[in-house]
Amino acid sequence: MPIISMFYGIIVQLFFFDNDKHHTPHVHIRYSEFRASVDISTAEILEGDIPQRQLRLV
């Protein structure tokens, strides 16, 4: 799970072999105590929670 970006305390990781759980290309975002999985094509949160401001930055 390589880290593809780090900015403003947000860490974005690419998961390219995690098809068992979400069945779509997605990134995992970490910000402070928040964690979320986000669909790459639609920017929809698949799982977890992250503040809206940080989601817009991503």
C-alpha atoms as a PDB file:
ATOM      1  CA  MET A   1       0.000   0.000   0.000  1.00  0.00           C
ATOM      2  CA  PRO A   2       2.137   2.853  -1.241  1.00  0.00           C
ATOM      3  CA  ILE A   3       1.597   6.366   0.015  1.00  0.00           C
ATOM      4  CA  ILE A   4       0.849   8.475  -3.049  1.00  0.00           C
ATOM      5  CA  SER A   5       0.395  11.840  -1.342  1.00  0.00           C
ATOM      6  CA  MET A   6       0.935  13.602   1.988  1.00  0.00           C
ATOM      7  CA  PHE A   7      -0.284  17.167   2.526  1.00  0.00           C
ATOM      8  CA  TYR A   8      -1.853  19.228   5.342  1.00  0.00           C
ATOM      9  CA  GLY A   9      -1.777  16.190   7.616  1.00  0.00           C
ATOM     10  CA  ILE A  10      -3.692  14.072   5.086  1.00  0.00           C
ATOM     11  CA  ILE A  11      -2.187  10.768   3.936  1.00  0.00           C
ATOM     12  CA  VAL A  12      -3.519   9.174   0.744  1.00  0.00           C
ATOM     13  CA  GLN A  13      -2.692   5.514   0.085  1.00  0.00           C
ATOM     14  CA  LEU A  14      -3.476   3.509  -3.021  1.00  0.00           C
ATOM     15  CA  PHE A  15      -4.871  -0.001  -2.571  1.00  0.00           C
ATOM     16  CA  PHE A  16      -4.736  -1.844  -5.874  1.00  0.00           C
ATOM     17  CA  PHE A  17      -5.123  -5.442  -4.622  1.00  0.00           C
ATOM     18  CA  ASP A  18      -8.022  -4.884  -2.181  1.00  0.00           C
ATOM     19  CA  ASN A  19     -10.831  -6.005  -4.513  1.00  0.00           C
ATOM     20  CA  ASP A  20     -12.407  -8.440  -2.037  1.00  0.00           C
ATOM     21  CA  LYS A  21     -13.970  -5.744   0.099  1.00  0.00           C
ATOM     22  CA  HIS A  22     -14.921  -2.794  -2.122  1.00  0.00           C
ATOM     23  CA  HIS A  23     -14.768  -4.204  -5.680  1.00  0.00           C
ATOM     24  CA  THR A  24     -13.725  -0.848  -7.143  1.00  0.00           C
ATOM     25  CA  PRO A  25     -10.470   1.112  -7.457  1.00  0.00           C
ATOM     26  CA  HIS A  26     -10.154   3.252  -4.354  1.00  0.00           C
ATOM     27  CA  VAL A  27      -7.787   5.129  -2.079  1.00  0.00           C
ATOM     28  CA  HIS A  28      -7.562   5.104   1.678  1.00  0.00           C
ATOM     29  CA  ILE A  29      -7.335   8.470   3.384  1.00  0.00           C
ATOM     30  CA  ARG A  30      -6.004   9.084   6.881  1.00  0.00           C
ATOM     31  CA  TYR A  31      -6.343  12.373   8.689  1.00  0.00           C
ATOM     32  CA  SER A  32      -5.723  12.579  12.427  1.00  0.00           C
ATOM     33  CA  GLU A  33      -8.052   9.958  13.972  1.00  0.00           C
ATOM     34  CA  PHE A  34     -10.218   9.753  10.832  1.00  0.00           C
ATOM     35  CA  ARG A  35     -10.022   6.957   8.245  1.00  0.00           C
ATOM     36  CA  ALA A  36     -11.969   6.568   5.010  1.00  0.00           C
ATOM     37  CA  SER A  37     -11.982   4.543   1.803  1.00  0.00           C
ATOM     38  CA  VAL A  38     -12.901   6.656  -1.226  1.00  0.00           C
ATOM     39  CA  ASP A  39     -13.862   5.520  -4.729  1.00  0.00           C
ATOM     40  CA  ILE A  40     -11.441   7.017  -7.263  1.00  0.00           C
ATOM     41  CA  SER A  41     -13.936   7.644 -10.058  1.00  0.00           C
ATOM     42  CA  THR A  42     -16.868   9.075  -8.055  1.00  0.00           C
ATOM     43  CA  ALA A  43     -15.184  10.414  -4.886  1.00  0.00           C
ATOM     44  CA  GLU A  44     -17.872   8.572  -2.899  1.00  0.00           C
ATOM     45  CA  ILE A  45     -16.932   7.446   0.609  1.00  0.00           C
ATOM     46  CA  LEU A  46     -17.102   3.653   0.596  1.00  0.00           C
ATOM     47  CA  GLU A  47     -16.336   3.183   4.276  1.00  0.00           C
ATOM     48  CA  GLY A  48     -15.312   5.291   7.242  1.00  0.00           C
ATOM     49  CA  ASP A  49     -15.533   8.988   7.898  1.00  0.00           C
ATOM     50  CA  ILE A  50     -13.426  12.058   7.164  1.00  0.00           C
ATOM     51  CA  PRO A  51     -14.213  15.757   7.593  1.00  0.00           C
ATOM     52  CA  GLN A  52     -15.775  17.328   4.485  1.00  0.00           C
ATOM     53  CA  ARG A  53     -13.040  19.967   4.196  1.00  0.00           C
ATOM     54  CA  GLN A  54     -10.279  17.342   3.974  1.00  0.00           C
ATOM     55  CA  LEU A  55     -12.332  15.264   1.549  1.00  0.00           C
ATOM     56  CA  ARG A  56     -12.641  18.266  -0.777  1.00  0.00           C
ATOM     57  CA  LEU A  57      -8.858  18.753  -0.627  1.00  0.00           C
ATOM     58  CA  VAL A  58      -8.293  15.161  -1.672  1.00  0.00           C
END
